[in-house]
Protein backbone atom coordinates (compact mmCIF):
# COMPACT_ATOMS: atom_id res chain seq x y z
CA UNK A 1 189.32 81.80 -27.38
CA UNK A 2 188.82 78.01 -28.55
CA UNK A 3 186.70 75.90 -26.25
CA UNK A 4 187.75 73.47 -24.28
CA UNK A 5 187.43 70.07 -25.06
CA UNK A 6 186.36 68.42 -21.60
CA UNK A 7 182.68 67.17 -20.72
CA UNK A 8 181.29 65.63 -17.78
CA UNK A 9 180.52 62.17 -18.05
CA UNK A 10 177.24 62.74 -17.90
CA UNK A 11 177.23 65.45 -20.42
CA UNK A 12 179.13 63.06 -22.87
CA UNK A 13 175.97 60.59 -22.14
CA UNK A 14 173.40 63.28 -22.70
CA UNK A 15 175.00 64.58 -26.09
CA UNK A 16 175.77 60.39 -27.04
CA UNK A 17 172.01 59.76 -26.75
CA UNK A 18 170.85 63.25 -28.27
CA UNK A 19 172.75 62.02 -31.65
CA UNK A 20 171.39 58.18 -31.08
CA UNK A 21 167.71 59.48 -30.45
CA UNK A 22 168.09 61.97 -33.40
CA UNK A 23 170.47 59.79 -35.96
CA UNK A 24 167.87 56.44 -35.08
CA UNK A 25 164.37 57.84 -34.44
CA UNK A 26 163.83 60.81 -35.74
CA UNK A 27 165.72 60.47 -39.29
CA UNK A 28 164.17 57.60 -39.97
CA UNK A 29 159.99 59.65 -39.14
CA UNK A 30 161.00 62.35 -40.45
CA UNK A 31 162.52 60.38 -43.78
CA UNK A 32 158.95 58.75 -43.89
CA UNK A 33 157.25 61.94 -44.11
CA UNK A 34 159.03 63.40 -46.82
CA UNK A 35 158.71 60.51 -48.76
CA UNK A 36 154.90 60.57 -48.27
CA UNK A 37 154.93 64.14 -48.94
CA UNK A 38 156.76 64.00 -52.40
CA UNK A 39 154.81 61.06 -53.22
CA UNK A 40 151.49 63.31 -53.69
CA UNK A 41 153.12 65.44 -56.47
CA UNK A 42 153.91 68.74 -56.46
CA UNK A 43 156.48 69.78 -54.79
CA UNK A 44 156.98 73.60 -54.80
CA UNK A 45 153.49 73.89 -52.86
CA UNK A 46 153.66 70.90 -50.40
CA UNK A 47 154.08 72.43 -47.18
CA UNK A 48 155.57 68.84 -45.17
CA UNK A 49 157.28 68.18 -48.44
CA UNK A 50 159.59 71.53 -47.90
CA UNK A 51 158.77 71.59 -43.78
CA UNK A 52 160.72 68.03 -43.56
CA UNK A 53 163.26 68.81 -46.29
CA UNK A 54 164.31 71.38 -43.92
CA UNK A 55 164.31 69.55 -40.58
CA UNK A 56 166.39 66.61 -42.53
CA UNK A 57 168.74 69.49 -43.12
CA UNK A 58 168.56 70.02 -39.31
CA UNK A 59 168.85 66.93 -38.05
CA UNK A 60 171.55 66.10 -40.68
CA UNK A 61 173.59 69.05 -39.13
CA UNK A 62 173.20 68.06 -36.10
CA UNK A 63 174.26 65.03 -36.29
CA UNK A 64 177.87 66.00 -38.21
CA UNK A 65 178.25 68.16 -35.51
CA UNK A 66 177.69 65.55 -32.36
CA UNK A 67 179.31 63.21 -34.05
CA UNK A 68 182.71 65.64 -34.83
CA UNK A 69 182.35 66.64 -30.97
CA UNK A 70 182.12 63.34 -29.48
CA UNK A 71 185.06 62.24 -31.15
CA UNK A 72 187.03 65.10 -29.27
CA UNK A 73 185.35 65.67 -26.34
CA UNK A 74 187.54 64.41 -22.86
CA UNK A 75 185.82 62.89 -19.95
CA UNK A 76 187.18 63.96 -16.79
CA UNK A 77 185.98 62.11 -13.92
CA UNK A 78 186.07 63.57 -10.29
CA UNK A 79 189.68 62.39 -8.32
CA UNK A 80 189.70 61.86 -4.89
CA UNK A 81 192.82 64.24 -4.72
CA UNK A 82 190.52 66.80 -5.70
CA UNK A 83 188.70 67.02 -2.71
CA UNK A 84 188.80 70.15 -0.69
CA UNK A 85 189.76 72.59 -4.34
CA UNK A 86 187.65 73.35 -7.39
CA UNK A 87 188.00 71.84 -10.21
CA UNK A 88 186.42 70.75 -13.43
CA UNK A 89 183.02 68.96 -12.21
CA UNK A 90 182.68 70.84 -9.21
CA UNK A 91 180.07 72.86 -7.51
CA UNK A 92 180.90 75.43 -5.84
CA UNK A 93 178.39 76.94 -2.90
CA UNK A 94 179.63 81.21 -2.60
CA UNK A 95 178.92 84.05 -1.59
CA UNK A 96 178.47 87.54 -3.21
CA UNK A 97 179.10 91.16 -1.66
CA UNK A 98 175.69 91.61 -1.28
CA UNK A 99 175.30 88.20 1.04
CA UNK A 100 173.55 86.41 -1.68
CA UNK A 101 174.51 82.78 -2.32
CA UNK A 102 175.00 81.08 -4.93
CA UNK A 103 175.72 77.22 -6.42
CA UNK A 104 177.69 76.94 -9.48
CA UNK A 105 178.61 74.00 -11.26
CA UNK A 106 181.92 74.13 -13.38
CA UNK A 107 181.07 72.12 -17.00
CA UNK A 108 182.70 71.75 -20.57
CA UNK A 109 180.95 74.63 -22.80
CA UNK A 110 178.72 71.60 -24.47
CA UNK A 111 176.92 71.25 -21.33
CA UNK A 112 176.49 74.80 -19.36
CA UNK A 113 172.97 76.02 -18.93
CA UNK A 114 172.42 79.31 -17.07
CA UNK A 115 169.12 78.19 -15.87
CA UNK A 116 170.71 75.45 -13.74
CA UNK A 117 173.99 77.83 -12.70
CA UNK A 118 176.15 75.21 -14.50
CA UNK A 119 179.39 77.60 -15.64
CA UNK A 120 181.45 76.79 -18.39
CA UNK A 121 185.08 76.18 -17.60
CA UNK A 122 185.91 78.70 -19.51
CA UNK A 123 184.20 81.79 -18.16
CA UNK A 124 185.64 84.09 -16.35
CA UNK A 125 184.05 83.20 -12.93
CA UNK A 126 185.18 79.41 -13.95
CA UNK A 127 188.80 80.34 -14.41
CA UNK A 128 188.91 82.47 -11.26
CA UNK A 129 187.58 79.73 -9.18
CA UNK A 130 189.89 76.93 -10.10
CA UNK A 131 192.20 75.56 -7.90
CA UNK A 132 191.09 77.62 -5.29
CA UNK A 133 189.53 76.49 -1.10
CA UNK A 134 187.00 76.52 1.31
CA UNK A 135 187.09 80.70 2.53
CA UNK A 136 189.07 81.53 -0.02
CA UNK A 137 187.81 85.01 -1.90
CA UNK A 138 187.65 85.90 -5.96
CA UNK A 139 187.18 88.55 -7.46
CA UNK A 140 185.93 88.66 -10.83
CA UNK A 141 186.26 91.75 -13.58
CA UNK A 142 182.05 91.27 -14.91
CA UNK A 143 180.59 93.89 -17.41
CA UNK A 144 178.90 95.56 -14.29
CA UNK A 145 182.90 95.91 -12.27
CA UNK A 146 184.57 93.64 -10.32
CA UNK A 147 182.43 90.83 -8.56
CA UNK A 148 184.01 89.24 -5.43
CA UNK A 149 182.89 85.83 -3.80
CA UNK A 150 183.60 83.96 -1.13
CA UNK A 151 183.69 80.26 -1.33
CA UNK A 152 181.36 78.43 1.08
CA UNK A 153 181.75 75.40 0.61
CA UNK A 154 182.99 72.57 -2.28
CA UNK A 155 181.67 69.17 -3.97
CA UNK A 156 181.59 66.77 -6.63
CA UNK A 157 177.98 65.63 -5.77
CA UNK A 158 175.30 68.12 -6.17
CA UNK A 159 173.94 70.04 -2.43
CA UNK A 160 171.53 68.95 -1.55
């Protein structure tokens, strides 16, 4: 399944900041270090040179990826008409069958972060939540069976 090209404004800014940092700050530093290491002579056993060249390849690969990805991403800002329903960018407070309360944020695949409970809009849980309202029941097929959630609250700003 292809990943969505949606991203929050904050997510787009974070990727753009990373691209600028890599290109304007880190790459010139690493390039200088590689030049200095190369000037020391034998490159075959020069750890600084070998590591520097490897790091430059990693930076260049990430810069190419970010440049191409930022061109196709579509920033989605919350719309006041979305209030009361779950759409992209929403923070959703849910309760499961065991009474555990979780807060999920629906974000693009480029910015999902499990530790923060930011889930990709392409995930089964996010797809099940889309368009739902407070007090709706949502069932999701998971590897451990069907999980049922009840929507307690929906916001387009973080919960305090």
